[in-house]
Amino acid sequence: YLSLPVVGLTALFTGMVLALQSYTGFSRFNAENAIASVVVLSMTRELGPVLAGLMVAGRMGAAMAAEIGTMTVNSEVDALVTGGLSPVRFLVLPRVLAGIAVAPILTIYADLVSVFSSSLTMLIYGIPLVNFYEGVLNTVQLEDIFSGLTKATLFGVVIASVGCLRGMQTGTGAAAVGISTTRAVVSSIVLITIVDGIFAYVSYRTGF
């Protein structure tokens, strides 16, 4: 729940900026009615999952790396192994499942906030809310939403896995946890962009 304010604020201003920029371009061709379609499709299929993924990487991925990193430095992970318990089962798996559950929820939240903010922005330019939401309903299909949620789920797996991996790789010393946390965030962001590109190619080839 601590990620909700960050994701909400990011989605709020992203929706506003996207609507403003779209209006600037589409108004030159008298195509203001297409703004709703462009904004909502962009958020549901691409920007919503990516923004939520980046925010989760900075919040949840860093926390996972710090928690497991601290346990590694304090030899708590070694204690689990000595006691015959699997660190993957007790430390990694619950966090990966949490990432799978949280990322789609935050994506839906980001989509709703961005659509709301973009509709209010278009209201300033004289486009009624009814026209905006009619454009949304006529354009967005369930497969668009499922495509974004599938992508968000993959991002959740990547973020949680990388955070746990970097935590397990924590060395010794006072700066070890900070280094692992930084590596977790950077690695997660890079992998998110890679997964996003691969998913975009697969989506283009399959039509999903």
N, C-alpha and C. Protein backbone atom coordinates (compact mmCIF):
# COMPACT_ATOMS: atom_id res chain seq x y z
N TYR A 1 0.82 -1.21 0.00
CA TYR A 1 0.00 0.00 0.00
C TYR A 1 0.86 1.27 0.00
N LEU A 2 2.13 1.14 0.41
CA LEU A 2 3.01 2.31 0.43
C LEU A 2 3.35 2.78 -0.98
N SER A 3 3.16 1.93 -1.97
CA SER A 3 3.44 2.31 -3.35
C SER A 3 2.29 3.07 -3.99
N LEU A 4 1.11 3.02 -3.38
CA LEU A 4 -0.06 3.66 -3.98
C LEU A 4 0.10 5.17 -4.18
N PRO A 5 0.57 5.93 -3.17
CA PRO A 5 0.72 7.38 -3.41
C PRO A 5 1.70 7.70 -4.52
N VAL A 6 2.81 6.97 -4.60
CA VAL A 6 3.81 7.25 -5.63
C VAL A 6 3.27 6.91 -7.01
N VAL A 7 2.66 5.74 -7.14
CA VAL A 7 2.09 5.34 -8.42
C VAL A 7 0.96 6.27 -8.82
N GLY A 8 0.10 6.63 -7.86
CA GLY A 8 -1.02 7.51 -8.16
C GLY A 8 -0.57 8.89 -8.62
N LEU A 9 0.42 9.46 -7.94
CA LEU A 9 0.92 10.78 -8.33
C LEU A 9 1.57 10.74 -9.71
N THR A 10 2.34 9.70 -9.97
CA THR A 10 2.99 9.57 -11.28
C THR A 10 1.95 9.41 -12.39
N ALA A 11 0.97 8.55 -12.16
CA ALA A 11 -0.07 8.33 -13.16
C ALA A 11 -0.92 9.58 -13.37
N LEU A 12 -1.15 10.33 -12.30
CA LEU A 12 -1.96 11.55 -12.40
C LEU A 12 -1.34 12.54 -13.38
N PHE A 13 -0.06 12.83 -13.19
CA PHE A 13 0.59 13.82 -14.04
C PHE A 13 0.92 13.25 -15.42
N THR A 14 1.14 11.94 -15.50
CA THR A 14 1.36 11.34 -16.81
C THR A 14 0.12 11.44 -17.68
N GLY A 15 -1.04 11.17 -17.09
CA GLY A 15 -2.28 11.30 -17.84
C GLY A 15 -2.53 12.73 -18.29
N MET A 16 -2.24 13.68 -17.42
CA MET A 16 -2.42 15.08 -17.78
C MET A 16 -1.49 15.50 -18.91
N VAL A 17 -0.22 15.16 -18.78
CA VAL A 17 0.76 15.55 -19.80
C VAL A 17 0.45 14.87 -21.13
N LEU A 18 0.10 13.59 -21.08
CA LEU A 18 -0.22 12.87 -22.32
C LEU A 18 -1.43 13.47 -23.01
N ALA A 19 -2.44 13.86 -22.24
CA ALA A 19 -3.61 14.49 -22.83
C ALA A 19 -3.27 15.86 -23.42
N LEU A 20 -2.46 16.62 -22.72
CA LEU A 20 -2.06 17.94 -23.22
C LEU A 20 -1.28 17.83 -24.53
N GLN A 21 -0.30 16.95 -24.54
CA GLN A 21 0.51 16.78 -25.75
C GLN A 21 -0.31 16.23 -26.91
N SER A 22 -1.23 15.32 -26.60
CA SER A 22 -2.09 14.77 -27.65
C SER A 22 -2.99 15.85 -28.22
N TYR A 23 -3.52 16.70 -27.35
CA TYR A 23 -4.38 17.77 -27.85
C TYR A 23 -3.60 18.74 -28.72
N THR A 24 -2.37 19.02 -28.35
CA THR A 24 -1.54 19.93 -29.14
C THR A 24 -1.37 19.41 -30.57
N GLY A 25 -1.16 18.10 -30.71
CA GLY A 25 -0.96 17.53 -32.03
C GLY A 25 -2.26 17.30 -32.79
N PHE A 26 -3.26 16.73 -32.13
CA PHE A 26 -4.49 16.37 -32.81
C PHE A 26 -5.34 17.58 -33.17
N SER A 27 -5.22 18.65 -32.40
CA SER A 27 -6.03 19.83 -32.70
C SER A 27 -5.64 20.46 -34.03
N ARG A 28 -4.43 20.23 -34.48
CA ARG A 28 -4.00 20.77 -35.78
C ARG A 28 -4.73 20.11 -36.94
N PHE A 29 -5.25 18.91 -36.69
CA PHE A 29 -5.96 18.17 -37.75
C PHE A 29 -7.44 18.02 -37.45
N ASN A 30 -7.91 18.79 -36.47
CA ASN A 30 -9.32 18.73 -36.05
C ASN A 30 -9.73 17.31 -35.68
N ALA A 31 -8.86 16.62 -34.98
CA ALA A 31 -9.12 15.22 -34.60
C ALA A 31 -9.14 15.07 -33.08
N GLU A 32 -9.74 16.04 -32.41
CA GLU A 32 -9.76 16.01 -30.95
C GLU A 32 -10.50 14.80 -30.40
N ASN A 33 -11.44 14.27 -31.17
CA ASN A 33 -12.22 13.12 -30.69
C ASN A 33 -11.38 11.85 -30.56
N ALA A 34 -10.22 11.84 -31.19
CA ALA A 34 -9.35 10.66 -31.13
C ALA A 34 -8.41 10.69 -29.93
N ILE A 35 -8.42 11.79 -29.18
CA ILE A 35 -7.49 11.91 -28.05
C ILE A 35 -7.76 10.85 -27.00
N ALA A 36 -9.03 10.62 -26.69
CA ALA A 36 -9.38 9.62 -25.66
C ALA A 36 -8.84 8.25 -26.03
N SER A 37 -8.98 7.88 -27.30
CA SER A 37 -8.52 6.57 -27.74
C SER A 37 -7.01 6.44 -27.59
N VAL A 38 -6.29 7.48 -28.00
CA VAL A 38 -4.83 7.44 -27.95
C VAL A 38 -4.34 7.39 -26.51
N VAL A 39 -4.90 8.23 -25.67
CA VAL A 39 -4.45 8.31 -24.28
C VAL A 39 -4.71 7.01 -23.54
N VAL A 40 -5.91 6.50 -23.66
CA VAL A 40 -6.28 5.32 -22.88
C VAL A 40 -5.55 4.08 -23.39
N LEU A 41 -5.43 3.91 -24.69
CA LEU A 41 -4.69 2.77 -25.22
C LEU A 41 -3.22 2.83 -24.82
N SER A 42 -2.67 4.04 -24.84
CA SER A 42 -1.26 4.19 -24.43
C SER A 42 -1.07 3.81 -22.97
N MET A 43 -2.01 4.18 -22.12
CA MET A 43 -1.88 3.89 -20.70
C MET A 43 -2.13 2.41 -20.41
N THR A 44 -3.17 1.84 -20.97
CA THR A 44 -3.52 0.46 -20.64
C THR A 44 -2.52 -0.54 -21.19
N ARG A 45 -2.02 -0.29 -22.38
CA ARG A 45 -1.14 -1.27 -23.02
C ARG A 45 0.34 -1.04 -22.71
N GLU A 46 0.74 0.21 -22.44
CA GLU A 46 2.16 0.49 -22.34
C GLU A 46 2.53 1.27 -21.08
N LEU A 47 2.07 2.50 -20.98
CA LEU A 47 2.57 3.37 -19.93
C LEU A 47 2.14 2.94 -18.52
N GLY A 48 0.92 2.45 -18.39
CA GLY A 48 0.46 2.01 -17.09
C GLY A 48 1.32 0.92 -16.48
N PRO A 49 1.52 -0.20 -17.20
CA PRO A 49 2.39 -1.25 -16.65
C PRO A 49 3.83 -0.79 -16.43
N VAL A 50 4.37 -0.01 -17.36
CA VAL A 50 5.76 0.42 -17.24
C VAL A 50 5.93 1.36 -16.05
N LEU A 51 5.05 2.33 -15.91
CA LEU A 51 5.15 3.26 -14.78
C LEU A 51 5.00 2.52 -13.45
N ALA A 52 4.01 1.63 -13.38
CA ALA A 52 3.84 0.87 -12.14
C ALA A 52 5.07 0.00 -11.87
N GLY A 53 5.63 -0.59 -12.93
CA GLY A 53 6.81 -1.42 -12.76
C GLY A 53 8.00 -0.62 -12.25
N LEU A 54 8.20 0.56 -12.80
CA LEU A 54 9.33 1.39 -12.36
C LEU A 54 9.17 1.83 -10.92
N MET A 55 7.95 2.20 -10.55
CA MET A 55 7.73 2.62 -9.18
C MET A 55 7.88 1.45 -8.20
N VAL A 56 7.40 0.27 -8.61
CA VAL A 56 7.54 -0.91 -7.76
C VAL A 56 9.01 -1.30 -7.63
N ALA A 57 9.76 -1.15 -8.72
CA ALA A 57 11.19 -1.47 -8.67
C ALA A 57 11.91 -0.57 -7.68
N GLY A 58 11.56 0.72 -7.68
CA GLY A 58 12.20 1.64 -6.76
C GLY A 58 11.75 1.49 -5.32
N ARG A 59 10.54 0.99 -5.14
CA ARG A 59 9.99 0.86 -3.77
C ARG A 59 10.13 -0.56 -3.24
N MET A 60 9.49 -1.50 -3.92
CA MET A 60 9.44 -2.87 -3.41
C MET A 60 10.73 -3.63 -3.70
N GLY A 61 11.28 -3.45 -4.92
CA GLY A 61 12.52 -4.16 -5.25
C GLY A 61 13.66 -3.78 -4.34
N ALA A 62 13.78 -2.48 -4.05
CA ALA A 62 14.83 -2.02 -3.15
C ALA A 62 14.61 -2.55 -1.74
N ALA A 63 13.36 -2.60 -1.29
CA ALA A 63 13.07 -3.10 0.06
C ALA A 63 13.42 -4.58 0.18
N MET A 64 13.09 -5.34 -0.85
CA MET A 64 13.41 -6.78 -0.82
C MET A 64 14.92 -7.00 -0.77
N ALA A 65 15.65 -6.27 -1.60
CA ALA A 65 17.11 -6.42 -1.60
C ALA A 65 17.70 -6.01 -0.25
N ALA A 66 17.17 -4.95 0.34
CA ALA A 66 17.69 -4.50 1.63
C ALA A 66 17.38 -5.50 2.74
N GLU A 67 16.16 -6.05 2.74
CA GLU A 67 15.78 -7.00 3.78
C GLU A 67 16.63 -8.27 3.71
N ILE A 68 16.68 -8.87 2.53
CA ILE A 68 17.44 -10.12 2.39
C ILE A 68 18.93 -9.84 2.51
N GLY A 69 19.37 -8.67 2.02
CA GLY A 69 20.78 -8.31 2.17
C GLY A 69 21.19 -8.19 3.62
N THR A 70 20.33 -7.59 4.44
CA THR A 70 20.62 -7.49 5.87
C THR A 70 20.67 -8.86 6.53
N MET A 71 19.74 -9.72 6.10
CA MET A 71 19.75 -11.09 6.63
C MET A 71 21.02 -11.83 6.22
N THR A 72 21.49 -11.56 5.01
CA THR A 72 22.72 -12.22 4.55
C THR A 72 23.93 -11.74 5.33
N VAL A 73 24.00 -10.44 5.56
CA VAL A 73 25.12 -9.88 6.32
C VAL A 73 25.13 -10.41 7.75
N ASN A 74 23.95 -10.56 8.34
CA ASN A 74 23.83 -11.05 9.72
C ASN A 74 23.87 -12.57 9.82
N SER A 75 24.15 -13.24 8.69
CA SER A 75 24.26 -14.71 8.65
C SER A 75 22.95 -15.41 8.95
N GLU A 76 21.82 -14.70 8.81
CA GLU A 76 20.53 -15.34 9.05
C GLU A 76 20.18 -16.31 7.93
N VAL A 77 20.58 -15.99 6.70
CA VAL A 77 20.34 -16.90 5.58
C VAL A 77 21.14 -18.18 5.78
N ASP A 78 22.38 -18.04 6.23
CA ASP A 78 23.19 -19.23 6.51
C ASP A 78 22.57 -20.07 7.63
N ALA A 79 21.94 -19.41 8.56
CA ALA A 79 21.29 -20.15 9.65
C ALA A 79 20.12 -20.97 9.13
N LEU A 80 19.38 -20.42 8.16
CA LEU A 80 18.30 -21.19 7.56
C LEU A 80 18.83 -22.44 6.87
N VAL A 81 19.92 -22.26 6.12
CA VAL A 81 20.51 -23.40 5.42
C VAL A 81 21.01 -24.44 6.41
N THR A 82 21.64 -23.98 7.48
CA THR A 82 22.15 -24.90 8.51
C THR A 82 21.01 -25.66 9.17
N GLY A 83 19.87 -25.00 9.33
CA GLY A 83 18.71 -25.65 9.92
C GLY A 83 17.94 -26.53 8.97
N GLY A 84 18.44 -26.68 7.75
CA GLY A 84 17.77 -27.54 6.78
C GLY A 84 16.60 -26.89 6.08
N LEU A 85 16.50 -25.59 6.14
CA LEU A 85 15.40 -24.87 5.49
C LEU A 85 15.90 -24.21 4.21
N SER A 86 15.05 -24.16 3.22
CA SER A 86 15.42 -23.60 1.93
C SER A 86 15.17 -22.09 1.93
N PRO A 87 16.21 -21.27 1.69
CA PRO A 87 15.99 -19.82 1.60
C PRO A 87 15.07 -19.43 0.44
N VAL A 88 15.13 -20.21 -0.63
CA VAL A 88 14.26 -19.91 -1.78
C VAL A 88 12.80 -20.07 -1.40
N ARG A 89 12.51 -21.12 -0.65
CA ARG A 89 11.12 -21.38 -0.27
C ARG A 89 10.61 -20.37 0.74
N PHE A 90 11.43 -19.99 1.71
CA PHE A 90 10.96 -19.15 2.80
C PHE A 90 11.20 -17.66 2.58
N LEU A 91 12.13 -17.30 1.70
CA LEU A 91 12.45 -15.89 1.48
C LEU A 91 12.09 -15.41 0.08
N VAL A 92 12.39 -16.21 -0.91
CA VAL A 92 12.22 -15.77 -2.30
C VAL A 92 10.80 -15.99 -2.79
N LEU A 93 10.28 -17.20 -2.64
CA LEU A 93 8.97 -17.53 -3.20
C LEU A 93 7.85 -16.63 -2.71
N PRO A 94 7.74 -16.33 -1.41
CA PRO A 94 6.66 -15.42 -0.97
C PRO A 94 6.77 -14.03 -1.60
N ARG A 95 7.98 -13.56 -1.79
CA ARG A 95 8.17 -12.23 -2.37
C ARG A 95 7.84 -12.22 -3.86
N VAL A 96 8.17 -13.29 -4.55
CA VAL A 96 7.82 -13.38 -5.97
C VAL A 96 6.30 -13.43 -6.14
N LEU A 97 5.64 -14.20 -5.30
CA LEU A 97 4.17 -14.26 -5.35
C LEU A 97 3.56 -12.90 -5.03
N ALA A 98 4.17 -12.19 -4.09
CA ALA A 98 3.69 -10.84 -3.77
C ALA A 98 3.86 -9.90 -4.95
N GLY A 99 4.99 -10.02 -5.65
CA GLY A 99 5.19 -9.20 -6.84
C GLY A 99 4.19 -9.50 -7.93
N ILE A 100 3.86 -10.78 -8.10
CA ILE A 100 2.86 -11.17 -9.10
C ILE A 100 1.49 -10.59 -8.76
N ALA A 101 1.17 -10.55 -7.47
CA ALA A 101 -0.15 -10.07 -7.04
C ALA A 101 -0.24 -8.55 -7.05
N VAL A 102 0.84 -7.88 -6.67
CA VAL A 102 0.79 -6.43 -6.48
C VAL A 102 0.90 -5.67 -7.79
N ALA A 103 1.77 -6.09 -8.69
CA ALA A 103 2.02 -5.34 -9.92
C ALA A 103 0.76 -5.12 -10.77
N PRO A 104 -0.07 -6.15 -11.03
CA PRO A 104 -1.31 -5.89 -11.80
C PRO A 104 -2.27 -4.95 -11.09
N ILE A 105 -2.35 -5.06 -9.75
CA ILE A 105 -3.25 -4.18 -9.02
C ILE A 105 -2.80 -2.72 -9.14
N LEU A 106 -1.52 -2.48 -9.01
CA LEU A 106 -1.00 -1.12 -9.16
C LEU A 106 -1.17 -0.63 -10.59
N THR A 107 -1.10 -1.52 -11.55
CA THR A 107 -1.29 -1.12 -12.95
C THR A 107 -2.73 -0.67 -13.19
N ILE A 108 -3.69 -1.41 -12.67
CA ILE A 108 -5.10 -1.01 -12.80
C ILE A 108 -5.32 0.34 -12.12
N TYR A 109 -4.73 0.50 -10.96
CA TYR A 109 -4.83 1.77 -10.24
C TYR A 109 -4.24 2.92 -11.05
N ALA A 110 -3.08 2.69 -11.66
CA ALA A 110 -2.44 3.72 -12.48
C ALA A 110 -3.30 4.04 -13.70
N ASP A 111 -3.89 3.01 -14.31
CA ASP A 111 -4.75 3.24 -15.48
C ASP A 111 -5.95 4.11 -15.12
N LEU A 112 -6.60 3.79 -14.02
CA LEU A 112 -7.79 4.55 -13.62
C LEU A 112 -7.44 6.00 -13.29
N VAL A 113 -6.37 6.20 -12.56
CA VAL A 113 -5.98 7.57 -12.20
C VAL A 113 -5.60 8.37 -13.43
N SER A 114 -4.87 7.78 -14.35
CA SER A 114 -4.45 8.51 -15.56
C SER A 114 -5.63 8.84 -16.46
N VAL A 115 -6.57 7.91 -16.58
CA VAL A 115 -7.77 8.19 -17.39
C VAL A 115 -8.58 9.31 -16.77
N PHE A 116 -8.71 9.30 -15.45
CA PHE A 116 -9.45 10.35 -14.77
C PHE A 116 -8.78 11.71 -14.96
N SER A 117 -7.46 11.77 -14.80
CA SER A 117 -6.76 13.05 -14.94
C SER A 117 -6.78 13.55 -16.37
N SER A 118 -6.67 12.64 -17.33
CA SER A 118 -6.71 13.07 -18.74
C SER A 118 -8.10 13.55 -19.13
N SER A 119 -9.14 12.94 -18.57
CA SER A 119 -10.49 13.41 -18.87
C SER A 119 -10.74 14.80 -18.32
N LEU A 120 -10.22 15.09 -17.12
CA LEU A 120 -10.36 16.42 -16.56
C LEU A 120 -9.56 17.45 -17.37
N THR A 121 -8.41 17.02 -17.87
CA THR A 121 -7.60 17.92 -18.70
C THR A 121 -8.33 18.26 -19.98
N MET A 122 -8.96 17.28 -20.60
CA MET A 122 -9.71 17.54 -21.83
C MET A 122 -10.95 18.39 -21.57
N LEU A 123 -11.48 18.32 -20.35
CA LEU A 123 -12.62 19.16 -20.01
C LEU A 123 -12.24 20.63 -20.05
N ILE A 124 -11.00 20.93 -19.72
CA ILE A 124 -10.51 22.31 -19.78
C ILE A 124 -10.53 22.82 -21.21
N TYR A 125 -10.26 21.94 -22.17
CA TYR A 125 -10.23 22.33 -23.58
C TYR A 125 -11.60 22.21 -24.25
N GLY A 126 -12.63 22.00 -23.46
CA GLY A 126 -13.99 22.02 -24.01
C GLY A 126 -14.50 20.69 -24.50
N ILE A 127 -13.80 19.60 -24.22
CA ILE A 127 -14.28 18.28 -24.60
C ILE A 127 -15.05 17.69 -23.42
N PRO A 128 -16.37 17.48 -23.57
CA PRO A 128 -17.18 17.00 -22.44
C PRO A 128 -16.72 15.62 -21.96
N LEU A 129 -16.98 15.36 -20.69
CA LEU A 129 -16.62 14.06 -20.13
C LEU A 129 -17.36 12.92 -20.82
N VAL A 130 -18.60 13.19 -21.23
CA VAL A 130 -19.38 12.15 -21.91
C VAL A 130 -18.70 11.73 -23.20
N ASN A 131 -18.25 12.70 -23.99
CA ASN A 131 -17.56 12.38 -25.23
C ASN A 131 -16.25 11.63 -24.99
N PHE A 132 -15.55 12.04 -23.95
CA PHE A 132 -14.27 11.39 -23.64
C PHE A 132 -14.49 9.93 -23.27
N TYR A 133 -15.42 9.67 -22.37
CA TYR A 133 -15.62 8.29 -21.91
C TYR A 133 -16.31 7.43 -22.97
N GLU A 134 -17.09 8.05 -23.85
CA GLU A 134 -17.63 7.28 -24.98
C GLU A 134 -16.51 6.83 -25.90
N GLY A 135 -15.54 7.71 -26.11
CA GLY A 135 -14.39 7.32 -26.92
C GLY A 135 -13.60 6.20 -26.27
N VAL A 136 -13.51 6.24 -24.94
CA VAL A 136 -12.80 5.18 -24.22
C VAL A 136 -13.53 3.85 -24.38
N LEU A 137 -14.84 3.85 -24.18
CA LEU A 137 -15.61 2.61 -24.25
C LEU A 137 -15.65 2.04 -25.66
N ASN A 138 -15.61 2.91 -26.65
CA ASN A 138 -15.66 2.44 -28.04
C ASN A 138 -14.32 1.93 -28.54
N THR A 139 -13.25 2.26 -27.83
CA THR A 139 -11.91 1.93 -28.31
C THR A 139 -11.27 0.80 -27.52
N VAL A 140 -11.28 0.92 -26.20
CA VAL A 140 -10.57 -0.04 -25.35
C VAL A 140 -11.34 -1.35 -25.29
N GLN A 141 -10.65 -2.44 -25.54
CA GLN A 141 -11.21 -3.77 -25.45
C GLN A 141 -10.56 -4.54 -24.30
N LEU A 142 -11.16 -5.66 -23.96
CA LEU A 142 -10.64 -6.44 -22.85
C LEU A 142 -9.22 -6.94 -23.12
N GLU A 143 -8.93 -7.25 -24.38
CA GLU A 143 -7.59 -7.74 -24.69
C GLU A 143 -6.53 -6.67 -24.47
N ASP A 144 -6.89 -5.40 -24.61
CA ASP A 144 -5.95 -4.32 -24.32
C ASP A 144 -5.63 -4.29 -22.83
N ILE A 145 -6.65 -4.45 -22.01
CA ILE A 145 -6.44 -4.46 -20.56
C ILE A 145 -5.65 -5.69 -20.14
N PHE A 146 -6.02 -6.85 -20.68
CA PHE A 146 -5.31 -8.08 -20.33
C PHE A 146 -3.86 -8.05 -20.80
N SER A 147 -3.61 -7.40 -21.92
CA SER A 147 -2.24 -7.28 -22.40
C SER A 147 -1.39 -6.49 -21.41
N GLY A 148 -1.93 -5.38 -20.92
CA GLY A 148 -1.21 -4.58 -19.93
C GLY A 148 -1.02 -5.32 -18.62
N LEU A 149 -2.03 -6.07 -18.19
CA LEU A 149 -1.92 -6.81 -16.94
C LEU A 149 -0.93 -7.96 -17.06
N THR A 150 -0.90 -8.60 -18.22
CA THR A 150 0.09 -9.66 -18.44
C THR A 150 1.51 -9.11 -18.37
N LYS A 151 1.70 -7.97 -19.00
CA LYS A 151 3.01 -7.31 -18.95
C LYS A 151 3.37 -6.93 -17.52
N ALA A 152 2.40 -6.41 -16.78
CA ALA A 152 2.65 -6.02 -15.39
C ALA A 152 3.02 -7.23 -14.54
N THR A 153 2.38 -8.37 -14.79
CA THR A 153 2.71 -9.59 -14.06
C THR A 153 4.15 -10.01 -14.30
N LEU A 154 4.58 -9.93 -15.56
CA LEU A 154 5.98 -10.25 -15.88
C LEU A 154 6.93 -9.29 -15.17
N PHE A 155 6.56 -8.02 -15.15
CA PHE A 155 7.39 -7.04 -14.44
C PHE A 155 7.48 -7.38 -12.95
N GLY A 156 6.36 -7.80 -12.36
CA GLY A 156 6.37 -8.17 -10.95
C GLY A 156 7.30 -9.33 -10.66
N VAL A 157 7.30 -10.33 -11.55
CA VAL A 157 8.21 -11.47 -11.39
C VAL A 157 9.66 -11.01 -11.48
N VAL A 158 9.94 -10.16 -12.47
CA VAL A 158 11.31 -9.68 -12.67
C VAL A 158 11.79 -8.88 -11.48
N ILE A 159 10.97 -7.96 -11.00
CA ILE A 159 11.38 -7.09 -9.90
C ILE A 159 11.64 -7.88 -8.63
N ALA A 160 10.70 -8.77 -8.29
CA ALA A 160 10.87 -9.56 -7.07
C ALA A 160 12.06 -10.51 -7.17
N SER A 161 12.24 -11.14 -8.32
CA SER A 161 13.35 -12.08 -8.49
C SER A 161 14.69 -11.37 -8.40
N VAL A 162 14.79 -10.23 -9.07
CA VAL A 162 16.05 -9.49 -9.05
C VAL A 162 16.34 -8.94 -7.65
N GLY A 163 15.31 -8.44 -6.98
CA GLY A 163 15.51 -7.94 -5.62
C GLY A 163 16.01 -9.02 -4.67
N CYS A 164 15.41 -10.21 -4.77
CA CYS A 164 15.86 -11.32 -3.92
C CYS A 164 17.27 -11.77 -4.31
N LEU A 165 17.54 -11.84 -5.61
CA LEU A 165 18.86 -12.29 -6.06
C LEU A 165 19.95 -11.35 -5.58
N ARG A 166 19.72 -10.04 -5.75
CA ARG A 166 20.73 -9.08 -5.29
C ARG A 166 20.89 -9.13 -3.77
N GLY A 167 19.80 -9.40 -3.06
CA GLY A 167 19.91 -9.53 -1.61
C GLY A 167 20.75 -10.73 -1.22
N MET A 168 20.56 -11.83 -1.94
CA MET A 168 21.35 -13.03 -1.66
C MET A 168 22.82 -12.83 -1.99
N GLN A 169 23.10 -11.97 -2.96
CA GLN A 169 24.48 -11.73 -3.38
C GLN A 169 25.19 -10.68 -2.55
N THR A 170 24.55 -10.21 -1.49
CA THR A 170 25.15 -9.17 -0.66
C THR A 170 26.45 -9.67 -0.01
N GLY A 171 27.47 -8.85 -0.09
CA GLY A 171 28.75 -9.21 0.51
C GLY A 171 28.83 -8.80 1.96
N THR A 172 30.02 -8.56 2.42
CA THR A 172 30.22 -8.17 3.82
C THR A 172 30.64 -6.70 3.89
N GLY A 173 30.44 -6.10 5.03
CA GLY A 173 30.82 -4.71 5.21
C GLY A 173 29.62 -3.81 5.38
N ALA A 174 29.89 -2.59 5.83
CA ALA A 174 28.82 -1.65 6.12
C ALA A 174 28.09 -1.19 4.87
N ALA A 175 28.78 -1.11 3.74
CA ALA A 175 28.17 -0.59 2.51
C ALA A 175 27.55 -1.68 1.65
N ALA A 176 27.62 -2.93 2.08
CA ALA A 176 27.18 -4.05 1.23
C ALA A 176 25.69 -3.98 0.93
N VAL A 177 24.88 -3.67 1.94
CA VAL A 177 23.43 -3.62 1.75
C VAL A 177 23.05 -2.50 0.78
N GLY A 178 23.68 -1.34 0.93
CA GLY A 178 23.40 -0.23 0.02
C GLY A 178 23.77 -0.55 -1.41
N ILE A 179 24.89 -1.22 -1.60
CA ILE A 179 25.31 -1.61 -2.94
C ILE A 179 24.31 -2.59 -3.56
N SER A 180 23.87 -3.56 -2.78
CA SER A 180 22.90 -4.54 -3.28
C SER A 180 21.57 -3.87 -3.64
N THR A 181 21.15 -2.93 -2.82
CA THR A 181 19.91 -2.22 -3.09
C THR A 181 19.99 -1.43 -4.40
N THR A 182 21.10 -0.74 -4.59
CA THR A 182 21.30 0.03 -5.83
C THR A 182 21.32 -0.89 -7.04
N ARG A 183 22.02 -2.00 -6.92
CA ARG A 183 22.09 -2.94 -8.03
C ARG A 183 20.72 -3.54 -8.34
N ALA A 184 19.92 -3.78 -7.31
CA ALA A 184 18.59 -4.34 -7.51
C ALA A 184 17.71 -3.39 -8.31
N VAL A 185 17.74 -2.12 -7.95
CA VAL A 185 16.90 -1.14 -8.65
C VAL A 185 17.36 -0.95 -10.09
N VAL A 186 18.67 -0.80 -10.29
CA VAL A 186 19.19 -0.59 -11.64
C VAL A 186 18.92 -1.80 -12.52
N SER A 187 19.18 -2.99 -11.99
CA SER A 187 18.95 -4.22 -12.76
C SER A 187 17.48 -4.38 -13.11
N SER A 188 16.60 -4.07 -12.16
CA SER A 188 15.17 -4.21 -12.41
C SER A 188 14.71 -3.27 -13.51
N ILE A 189 15.18 -2.02 -13.48
CA ILE A 189 14.77 -1.06 -14.51
C ILE A 189 15.26 -1.49 -15.89
N VAL A 190 16.50 -1.96 -15.97
CA VAL A 190 17.03 -2.41 -17.25
C VAL A 190 16.25 -3.61 -17.77
N LEU A 191 15.96 -4.57 -16.89
CA LEU A 191 15.22 -5.75 -17.31
C LEU A 191 13.78 -5.43 -17.68
N ILE A 192 13.20 -4.43 -17.01
CA ILE A 192 11.84 -4.02 -17.37
C ILE A 192 11.80 -3.51 -18.81
N THR A 193 12.79 -2.70 -19.19
CA THR A 193 12.82 -2.19 -20.56
C THR A 193 13.04 -3.32 -21.56
N ILE A 194 13.88 -4.30 -21.20
CA ILE A 194 14.12 -5.42 -22.10
C ILE A 194 12.87 -6.28 -22.25
N VAL A 195 12.23 -6.61 -21.14
CA VAL A 195 11.00 -7.41 -21.18
C VAL A 195 9.91 -6.67 -21.93
N ASP A 196 9.84 -5.36 -21.73
CA ASP A 196 8.84 -4.55 -22.44
C ASP A 196 9.06 -4.61 -23.94
N GLY A 197 10.32 -4.52 -24.38
CA GLY A 197 10.60 -4.61 -25.81
C GLY A 197 10.26 -5.98 -26.38
N ILE A 198 10.62 -7.03 -25.65
CA ILE A 198 10.30 -8.39 -26.12
C ILE A 198 8.79 -8.60 -26.17
N PHE A 199 8.10 -8.12 -25.15
CA PHE A 199 6.64 -8.27 -25.13
C PHE A 199 5.99 -7.49 -26.27
N ALA A 200 6.53 -6.31 -26.56
CA ALA A 200 5.97 -5.52 -27.66
C ALA A 200 6.13 -6.25 -28.99
N TYR A 201 7.27 -6.90 -29.19
CA TYR A 201 7.50 -7.64 -30.43
C TYR A 201 6.55 -8.85 -30.51
N VAL A 202 6.44 -9.58 -29.40
CA VAL A 202 5.54 -10.73 -29.38
C VAL A 202 4.10 -10.29 -29.58
N SER A 203 3.73 -9.18 -28.97
CA SER A 203 2.37 -8.65 -29.14
C SER A 203 2.09 -8.26 -30.58
N TYR A 204 3.10 -7.68 -31.23
CA TYR A 204 2.95 -7.30 -32.63
C TYR A 204 2.79 -8.52 -33.52
N ARG A 205 3.56 -9.57 -33.23
CA ARG A 205 3.49 -10.78 -34.06
C ARG A 205 2.22 -11.59 -33.84
N THR A 206 1.72 -11.58 -32.60
CA THR A 206 0.55 -12.39 -32.27
C THR A 206 -0.76 -11.61 -32.29
N GLY A 207 -0.65 -10.26 -32.28
CA GLY A 207 -1.86 -9.44 -32.26
C GLY A 207 -2.48 -9.31 -30.89
N PHE A 208 -1.76 -9.74 -29.84
CA PHE A 208 -2.30 -9.66 -28.46
C PHE A 208 -1.96 -8.31 -27.85
